[in-house]
Every structure is written in C-alpha cells, then in structure tokens.
C-alpha cells in the first residue's frame, strides 16, 4: 500500500540532493532512507510526541541528536513549531511521512502546513510519502471559523476532513499559492472507499494504539476539553470508551439508541478500570464504542450528541475542570457548544451540511 520503492526511485532521480525527514520512529522510514542513501539524510524533524513517540499529549519536546547516526532531530513541538532557517540550512528537499487520522485537530496537519510554508520560504522541494487514513474519505463536522484559527484548527476544513497527508499537503499548496515543488508518492491499491483496517497499523501517537482507537478518536476527542469524562487515554481502550464515577450508562444508551442506525456507531455498557487522570485505578460504569456501519459513520455528529447528552444529564459533574474554550478550539467554532446549550442540534447539523458542501470546492482527492 505505502510505496516506499517509488519514494526510493524518486530520490534516486535527484542524486546530489541532501534531504531532511519529517516523520517518527514507528514508521521506520528513517532506517530505510538511511540504508538506501546514507549521508544524504542529514536532518530529521519531529511533530507532537517527539521522534521516539515518548512525549505525553501537549508535552513540549526538545532537539536531540540521533543516537546511532549522529544527525540532528529538530523538534517542531517545542520552542518553535515552524522550522527555522537554521534548521533547514544545507537541505535541498524535505521528505514528509506521517500517519494521520483525517481529523483536523490531530496536530500533524498543522505541522505539515508549517513545514510547507517554511519550505516555500527556503526554496526547498517537498516530497510526501502518502499513507491511508482510517475510514477512507469520511467527511463530518463543522468547518473552522477564522476567529478560531489555531494549531488544532489550522485550516478551514471540516473537523473530520477525510484527506490523506498527501492530499492535504496538495490542498495547502494550492489554497495558499505556495511556491513549493511538491511531489506526492501515492499509495497503491487504496481508495477512499476503503473502510477497514490495514495490515501492520502503526501507532501514530501514544494515545492511538490501534486502528479502532484511530477510528473512534473523533467521536470521543471532546473529552480533552472535559476531563471529568474518562476515555482511558493511557489504557488499552484509549478513545474507545467513555466513563465516569457519576455516569449512569443505561440512561445514555436508552437516549442514544439510534446511533448505530443514524451515525454508524455502536454503544454498549462496559465496566473498566481507568488508567488515566483523576479516575486512574477506579472501576467505572462506562460505555464501549464500536464501529457499527462504516458507510454511515458520522463520528463528529455522534460525539456531539454524546457530549450533549452528558451535558444535559450531568451539567455540574461534567463541568469540573472543564475547558469550554478548548472545546471551541477543537471544534473550530463556539457554535457547537452554544447549540448544545440551546438544545438545537438539528439546526447545528444543517449548518454543518452547508459548510461541507462548500468544502468540496477545495478538497483534494487523489484516490477516487
């Protein structure tokens, strides 16, 4: 599926170029490029969680030397998030290989955008080794309002945008008219209609350990703003469960019994021991989420309805240490939280549909 041989042939066509790599250890592209090209690989760049994937969510990382090859690993999630001219000095090309999820608030989108902008300013070519996104081309959720532009909302695309790294890199270059020589190494035997796990799924971050966690992340990511709701972030069911000491799962299940049909998401009661946050070590009355129908899956609608149900039934409990301003950043607008407060989800979802219709004008699709 991922065509590393095509990447190797592409780089062989530019024998005098020195290049840097934006990626992570789990994908092993660094080892393969070093084996194939030796000292032509002269720098590496890491996104959130660091090159070795050891940093916690939001934890700043620092520059370091690669322990075996003694080349710099520049952090793009520390003192700076945009590569500096000093970091890019001596390079002719940047290779990008990131396993993304197709979700706007997953920060690899913002890091890629900043790398493309820096490459344009430095006159560097960029090559993207493309990888699949879970659930292919699912598009769902709100666009981003300009006032809510941030590192978790770097583009005005739906929260679940359905583009691969190569596709959104192309979208960024075109929409911003960046002067970048961009090459995308496309995947073989994959389309946006592919809606099932692929072999050898590699965890792109500490909280996304499995394909199931990746698929359900957009439905449960609201817990980042409302940590009173546990999602087992550090455990084996990360982003696949919702639980709390005060939660009566049976009430939620009755109220949202239509989610398998309307949003393609299954819910069932599930007791589990939390591994993260204030609930760590406690056995919680929870809800286990699953993919019931990939064709009708609407994770952002499902997640918003789950949040609205908990907000309505447990307003005081869910508000503990809540960060509504962070929820607005994740959703790229305050309209969702306001619609939940006003009990107007139907009107909200109609506005999302209108925003998604305009998105088709800029969306890039390399895998029809």
Protein backbone atom coordinates (compact mmCIF):
# COMPACT_ATOMS: atom_id res chain seq x y z
CA UNK A 1 0.00 0.00 0.00
CA UNK A 2 2.64 2.57 1.07
CA UNK A 3 5.02 2.69 -1.90
CA UNK A 4 8.48 3.07 -0.40
CA UNK A 5 10.10 1.71 -3.58
CA UNK A 6 8.56 4.60 -5.53
CA UNK A 7 9.97 7.03 -2.96
CA UNK A 8 13.43 5.49 -3.33
CA UNK A 9 13.28 5.75 -7.13
CA UNK A 10 12.10 9.35 -6.84
CA UNK A 11 15.02 10.32 -4.61
CA UNK A 12 17.48 8.48 -6.85
CA UNK A 13 16.48 10.87 -9.65
CA UNK A 14 17.99 13.73 -7.58
CA UNK A 15 21.39 12.21 -6.68
CA UNK A 16 23.02 15.38 -5.38
CA UNK A 17 20.24 16.44 -3.05
CA UNK A 18 20.53 16.38 0.71
CA UNK A 19 17.23 15.95 2.47
CA UNK A 20 15.54 16.12 5.83
CA UNK A 21 12.76 13.84 7.05
CA UNK A 22 9.62 14.83 8.96
CA UNK A 23 8.33 11.58 10.41
CA UNK A 24 8.61 9.36 13.50
CA UNK A 25 10.48 6.26 14.57
CA UNK A 26 7.44 3.95 14.47
CA UNK A 27 7.17 4.24 10.69
CA UNK A 28 10.77 3.05 10.08
CA UNK A 29 11.17 5.33 7.04
CA UNK A 30 14.25 6.85 8.68
CA UNK A 31 16.03 3.49 8.80
CA UNK A 32 15.07 2.64 5.22
CA UNK A 33 16.20 6.02 3.87
CA UNK A 34 19.43 5.89 5.83
CA UNK A 35 20.14 2.40 4.50
CA UNK A 36 19.42 3.48 0.93
CA UNK A 37 21.03 6.92 0.87
CA UNK A 38 23.43 7.11 3.81
CA UNK A 39 24.71 10.62 4.46
CA UNK A 40 22.23 12.23 2.07
CA UNK A 41 19.79 12.10 5.02
CA UNK A 42 21.20 14.94 7.10
CA UNK A 43 18.38 16.05 9.42
CA UNK A 44 15.13 14.84 10.92
CA UNK A 45 12.11 16.68 12.26
CA UNK A 46 9.62 15.52 14.87
CA UNK A 47 6.00 16.51 15.41
CA UNK A 48 3.95 16.26 18.64
CA UNK A 49 5.05 13.37 20.90
CA UNK A 50 8.63 13.53 19.60
CA UNK A 51 10.59 11.37 17.20
CA UNK A 52 10.52 8.37 19.51
CA UNK A 53 6.84 8.81 20.45
CA UNK A 54 7.55 9.12 24.17
CA UNK A 55 6.16 12.57 24.96
CA UNK A 56 2.72 12.99 26.51
CA UNK A 57 -0.05 14.93 24.74
CA UNK A 58 0.83 18.62 24.74
CA UNK A 59 4.28 18.00 26.23
CA UNK A 60 6.99 20.11 24.64
CA UNK A 61 9.94 18.27 23.15
CA UNK A 62 13.48 19.44 22.54
CA UNK A 63 16.08 18.94 19.83
CA UNK A 64 18.41 15.97 20.17
CA UNK A 65 20.99 14.01 18.23
CA UNK A 66 20.02 10.72 16.68
CA UNK A 67 21.64 8.05 18.90
CA UNK A 68 23.03 5.98 16.01
CA UNK A 69 23.55 8.29 13.05
CA UNK A 70 24.51 11.45 14.94
CA UNK A 71 22.36 13.78 12.88
CA UNK A 72 20.06 16.40 14.42
CA UNK A 73 16.45 15.62 15.26
CA UNK A 74 14.75 19.01 15.31
CA UNK A 75 11.64 19.38 17.45
CA UNK A 76 8.62 21.07 15.87
CA UNK A 77 6.66 20.83 19.11
CA UNK A 78 8.84 22.80 21.47
CA UNK A 79 10.26 26.30 21.40
CA UNK A 80 9.21 26.60 17.78
CA UNK A 81 6.57 24.83 15.72
CA UNK A 82 7.72 26.16 12.36
CA UNK A 83 11.14 25.09 11.05
CA UNK A 84 13.67 27.91 11.29
CA UNK A 85 16.11 28.83 8.51
CA UNK A 86 18.90 27.39 10.66
CA UNK A 87 17.12 24.02 10.83
CA UNK A 88 16.71 23.96 7.05
CA UNK A 89 20.22 25.15 6.20
CA UNK A 90 22.07 22.80 3.87
CA UNK A 91 18.93 20.94 2.74
CA UNK A 92 17.57 20.65 -0.79
CA UNK A 93 14.40 18.70 -0.04
CA UNK A 94 12.07 17.71 2.79
CA UNK A 95 10.50 14.25 2.88
CA UNK A 96 7.27 14.01 4.90
CA UNK A 97 5.95 10.68 6.14
CA UNK A 98 3.28 10.99 8.84
CA UNK A 99 0.46 8.61 9.73
CA UNK A 100 -2.51 10.93 10.09
CA UNK A 101 -6.13 10.24 11.03
CA UNK A 102 -8.04 12.58 8.74
CA UNK A 103 -9.11 14.75 11.71
CA UNK A 104 -8.37 18.49 11.75
CA UNK A 105 -7.43 18.76 15.44
CA UNK A 106 -4.81 16.00 15.16
CA UNK A 107 -1.74 18.21 15.09
CA UNK A 108 0.16 16.56 12.22
CA UNK A 109 -1.95 18.68 9.85
CA UNK A 110 -0.69 21.91 11.44
CA UNK A 111 2.91 20.67 11.49
CA UNK A 112 2.75 19.76 7.80
CA UNK A 113 1.28 23.18 6.98
CA UNK A 114 4.08 24.99 8.79
CA UNK A 115 6.72 22.79 7.15
CA UNK A 116 5.32 23.57 3.70
CA UNK A 117 5.34 27.28 4.43
CA UNK A 118 8.93 27.12 5.69
CA UNK A 119 9.99 25.08 2.65
CA UNK A 120 8.44 27.67 0.34
CA UNK A 121 10.34 30.45 2.09
CA UNK A 122 13.62 28.49 1.91
CA UNK A 123 13.16 27.31 -1.69
CA UNK A 124 13.12 23.62 -0.78
CA UNK A 125 11.32 20.87 -2.66
CA UNK A 126 8.93 18.67 -0.67
CA UNK A 127 8.06 15.00 -1.16
CA UNK A 128 5.22 13.32 0.74
CA UNK A 129 5.15 9.55 1.15
CA UNK A 130 1.41 9.05 1.43
CA UNK A 131 -0.39 6.76 3.86
CA UNK A 132 -4.06 5.76 4.33
CA UNK A 133 -6.39 7.40 6.80
CA UNK A 134 -8.85 5.34 8.86
CA UNK A 135 -12.28 5.10 7.25
CA UNK A 136 -11.16 6.50 3.95
CA UNK A 137 -13.00 9.63 2.93
CA UNK A 138 -15.47 10.22 5.77
CA UNK A 139 -16.27 13.95 5.98
CA UNK A 140 -18.14 15.17 9.05
CA UNK A 141 -18.41 18.07 11.46
CA UNK A 142 -18.04 21.84 11.32
CA UNK A 143 -15.69 23.96 9.29
CA UNK A 144 -13.39 26.34 11.11
CA UNK A 145 -14.26 29.97 11.63
CA UNK A 146 -11.36 32.38 11.04
CA UNK A 147 -11.50 33.67 14.63
CA UNK A 148 -10.73 30.14 15.86
CA UNK A 149 -7.61 29.53 13.79
CA UNK A 150 -5.08 27.67 15.95
CA UNK A 151 -2.64 24.76 15.98
CA UNK A 152 -5.60 22.37 16.34
CA UNK A 153 -7.60 24.19 13.67
CA UNK A 154 -5.08 25.33 11.06
CA UNK A 155 -7.37 25.09 8.02
CA UNK A 156 -10.99 25.83 7.24
CA UNK A 157 -11.90 22.23 6.53
CA UNK A 158 -14.44 20.01 8.32
CA UNK A 159 -13.29 18.61 11.66
CA UNK A 160 -13.27 15.15 10.05
CA UNK A 161 -11.85 16.13 6.64
CA UNK A 162 -11.06 12.72 5.16
CA UNK A 163 -7.84 13.72 3.37
CA UNK A 164 -4.54 11.87 3.50
CA UNK A 165 -1.30 13.72 4.23
CA UNK A 166 -0.51 13.91 0.53
CA UNK A 167 -3.95 15.27 -0.23
CA UNK A 168 -3.98 17.99 2.39
CA UNK A 169 -0.40 18.94 1.52
CA UNK A 170 -1.63 19.47 -2.05
CA UNK A 171 -4.65 21.39 -0.74
CA UNK A 172 -2.43 23.68 1.35
CA UNK A 173 -0.03 24.40 -1.52
CA UNK A 174 -2.88 25.22 -3.90
CA UNK A 175 -5.09 27.19 -1.50
CA UNK A 176 -2.19 29.29 -0.19
CA UNK A 177 -0.47 29.54 -3.58
CA UNK A 178 2.80 28.37 -2.02
CA UNK A 179 5.82 28.30 -4.32
CA UNK A 180 6.76 24.71 -3.49
CA UNK A 181 7.87 21.92 -5.81
CA UNK A 182 5.59 19.29 -4.21
CA UNK A 183 5.63 15.61 -5.12
CA UNK A 184 3.22 13.11 -3.59
CA UNK A 185 4.20 9.43 -3.71
CA UNK A 186 0.72 7.87 -3.91
CA UNK A 187 -0.35 4.61 -2.34
CA UNK A 188 -1.07 1.52 -4.37
CA UNK A 189 -4.35 -0.41 -4.09
CA UNK A 190 -6.14 2.04 -1.80
CA UNK A 191 -9.13 4.31 -2.32
CA UNK A 192 -11.31 6.47 -0.11
CA UNK A 193 -13.89 3.70 -0.27
CA UNK A 194 -11.53 1.50 1.76
CA UNK A 195 -13.15 1.35 5.19
CA UNK A 196 -11.44 -1.49 7.01
CA UNK A 197 -8.20 -1.96 8.97
CA UNK A 198 -5.00 -2.44 7.05
CA UNK A 199 -2.14 -4.76 7.92
CA UNK A 200 0.58 -3.52 10.26
CA UNK A 201 -1.21 -0.40 11.50
CA UNK A 202 1.48 1.58 13.34
CA UNK A 203 0.50 3.77 16.33
CA UNK A 204 0.96 7.41 15.27
CA UNK A 205 0.90 8.70 18.86
CA UNK A 206 0.82 7.29 22.42
CA UNK A 207 -2.97 7.57 22.70
CA UNK A 208 -3.74 5.97 19.33
CA UNK A 209 -2.53 2.42 19.78
CA UNK A 210 -4.90 0.59 17.44
CA UNK A 211 -6.93 1.14 14.30
CA UNK A 212 -10.10 1.08 16.45
CA UNK A 213 -8.77 3.91 18.63
CA UNK A 214 -7.95 5.89 15.49
CA UNK A 215 -11.45 5.41 14.09
CA UNK A 216 -13.22 6.35 17.33
CA UNK A 217 -10.91 9.24 18.27
CA UNK A 218 -13.07 11.90 16.56
CA UNK A 219 -16.16 10.68 18.42
CA UNK A 220 -14.54 10.93 21.86
CA UNK A 221 -11.96 13.72 21.45
CA UNK A 222 -14.31 16.14 23.27
CA UNK A 223 -13.01 14.52 26.48
CA UNK A 224 -9.80 16.51 26.00
CA UNK A 225 -11.82 19.60 26.92
CA UNK A 226 -13.95 17.88 29.58
CA UNK A 227 -11.57 15.57 31.50
CA UNK A 228 -14.25 14.66 34.05
CA UNK A 229 -15.28 12.17 31.35
CA UNK A 230 -12.69 9.40 31.14
CA UNK A 231 -11.65 7.93 27.77
CA UNK A 232 -8.95 5.53 29.05
CA UNK A 233 -6.34 7.59 27.20
CA UNK A 234 -3.39 5.69 28.71
CA UNK A 235 -5.04 2.27 28.59
CA UNK A 236 -5.77 -0.42 26.03
CA UNK A 237 -9.18 1.10 25.16
CA UNK A 238 -7.97 4.65 24.55
CA UNK A 239 -10.66 6.80 22.89
CA UNK A 240 -12.94 3.76 22.65
CA UNK A 241 -14.72 4.16 25.98
CA UNK A 242 -16.43 6.89 27.97
CA UNK A 243 -16.80 6.58 31.71
CA UNK A 244 -17.11 8.49 34.97
CA UNK A 245 -17.91 7.70 38.62
CA UNK A 246 -21.18 9.60 38.23
CA UNK A 247 -22.20 8.15 34.87
CA UNK A 248 -25.33 6.01 34.53
CA UNK A 249 -24.56 4.30 31.23
CA UNK A 250 -28.04 2.81 30.90
CA UNK A 251 -29.63 6.26 30.62
CA UNK A 252 -27.23 7.32 27.88
CA UNK A 253 -27.74 4.09 25.97
CA UNK A 254 -31.52 4.48 26.02
CA UNK A 255 -31.38 8.10 24.88
CA UNK A 256 -28.93 7.39 22.05
CA UNK A 257 -30.26 4.02 20.97
CA UNK A 258 -30.50 5.26 17.36
CA UNK A 259 -26.76 5.96 16.95
CA UNK A 260 -25.97 2.64 15.22
CA UNK A 261 -28.51 3.47 12.52
CA UNK A 262 -28.02 7.24 12.23
CA UNK A 263 -24.27 7.56 12.83
CA UNK A 264 -22.92 4.05 12.32
CA UNK A 265 -21.61 3.84 15.85
CA UNK A 266 -22.40 1.05 18.31
CA UNK A 267 -22.74 1.60 22.07
CA UNK A 268 -22.91 -0.94 24.86
CA UNK A 269 -22.43 -0.86 28.64
CA UNK A 270 -18.92 -1.66 29.72
CA UNK A 271 -17.21 -1.63 33.11
CA UNK A 272 -13.48 -0.99 33.01
CA UNK A 273 -10.64 0.17 35.21
CA UNK A 274 -9.46 3.65 34.27
CA UNK A 275 -5.76 4.14 33.58
CA UNK A 276 -5.56 7.92 33.29
CA UNK A 277 -6.29 11.17 35.09
CA UNK A 278 -8.32 11.65 38.25
CA UNK A 279 -10.14 8.35 37.75
CA UNK A 280 -6.98 6.27 37.41
CA UNK A 281 -7.38 2.95 39.19
CA UNK A 282 -11.15 3.28 39.62
CA UNK A 283 -13.62 0.85 38.10
CA UNK A 284 -16.04 2.94 36.07
CA UNK A 285 -19.53 2.40 34.77
CA UNK A 286 -18.81 3.14 31.14
CA UNK A 287 -19.80 2.89 27.52
CA UNK A 288 -17.81 0.98 24.91
CA UNK A 289 -17.98 2.46 21.42
CA UNK A 290 -17.56 0.46 18.24
CA UNK A 291 -17.87 0.91 14.51
CA UNK A 292 -21.25 -0.47 13.53
CA UNK A 293 -21.51 0.74 9.91
CA UNK A 294 -18.57 2.33 8.11
CA UNK A 295 -20.76 3.61 5.29
CA UNK A 296 -23.00 5.68 7.58
CA UNK A 297 -20.32 6.59 10.13
CA UNK A 298 -20.55 10.19 11.32
CA UNK A 299 -18.14 10.42 14.26
CA UNK A 300 -18.46 14.16 14.90
CA UNK A 301 -22.25 14.07 14.95
CA UNK A 302 -22.07 11.04 17.26
CA UNK A 303 -19.52 12.70 19.55
CA UNK A 304 -21.52 15.92 19.71
CA UNK A 305 -24.67 14.01 20.61
CA UNK A 306 -22.81 12.10 23.32
CA UNK A 307 -21.44 15.36 24.71
CA UNK A 308 -24.90 16.97 24.60
CA UNK A 309 -26.44 14.00 26.43
CA UNK A 310 -23.84 14.13 29.21
CA UNK A 311 -24.10 17.92 29.42
CA UNK A 312 -27.86 17.71 29.82
CA UNK A 313 -27.90 14.86 32.35
CA UNK A 314 -24.80 15.79 34.36
CA UNK A 315 -24.10 19.52 33.88
CA UNK A 316 -22.32 20.05 37.19
CA UNK A 317 -20.25 16.88 37.07
CA UNK A 318 -19.03 17.32 33.50
CA UNK A 319 -18.08 20.94 34.18
CA UNK A 320 -15.45 20.01 36.77
CA UNK A 321 -12.10 21.19 35.35
CA UNK A 322 -13.84 21.66 32.02
CA UNK A 323 -12.30 23.96 29.43
CA UNK A 324 -15.09 25.20 27.16
CA UNK A 325 -12.65 27.47 25.34
CA UNK A 326 -10.59 24.39 24.40
CA UNK A 327 -13.72 22.63 23.15
CA UNK A 328 -14.36 25.64 20.90
CA UNK A 329 -10.78 25.42 19.60
CA UNK A 330 -11.14 21.72 18.83
CA UNK A 331 -14.44 22.27 17.03
CA UNK A 332 -13.18 25.46 15.35
CA UNK A 333 -16.18 27.46 16.47
CA UNK A 334 -18.25 28.30 19.54
CA UNK A 335 -21.44 27.41 17.61
CA UNK A 336 -21.44 23.74 18.69
CA UNK A 337 -21.25 24.47 22.40
CA UNK A 338 -23.88 27.19 22.02
CA UNK A 339 -26.20 24.86 20.10
CA UNK A 340 -25.81 22.21 22.81
CA UNK A 341 -26.75 24.79 25.44
CA UNK A 342 -29.76 25.89 23.36
CA UNK A 343 -30.80 22.29 22.60
CA UNK A 344 -30.65 22.99 18.85
CA UNK A 345 -28.58 20.16 17.41
CA UNK A 346 -30.78 19.74 14.29
CA UNK A 347 -30.10 23.35 13.29
CA UNK A 348 -26.40 22.91 14.02
CA UNK A 349 -26.13 19.80 11.86
CA UNK A 350 -27.88 21.55 8.97
CA UNK A 351 -25.25 24.30 9.11
CA UNK A 352 -22.54 21.66 9.03
CA UNK A 353 -24.04 20.18 5.87
CA UNK A 354 -23.89 23.59 4.18
CA UNK A 355 -20.25 24.03 5.20
CA UNK A 356 -19.36 20.57 3.93
CA UNK A 357 -20.95 21.36 0.56
CA UNK A 358 -18.56 24.29 0.06
CA UNK A 359 -15.62 22.16 1.20
CA UNK A 360 -15.87 20.06 -1.93
CA UNK A 361 -14.51 23.02 -3.92
CA UNK A 362 -11.10 22.82 -2.20
CA UNK A 363 -10.94 19.18 -1.14
CA UNK A 364 -8.20 17.21 -2.91
CA UNK A 365 -8.97 13.62 -3.87
CA UNK A 366 -6.10 11.55 -5.22
CA UNK A 367 -7.85 8.23 -4.62
CA UNK A 368 -11.33 8.45 -6.11
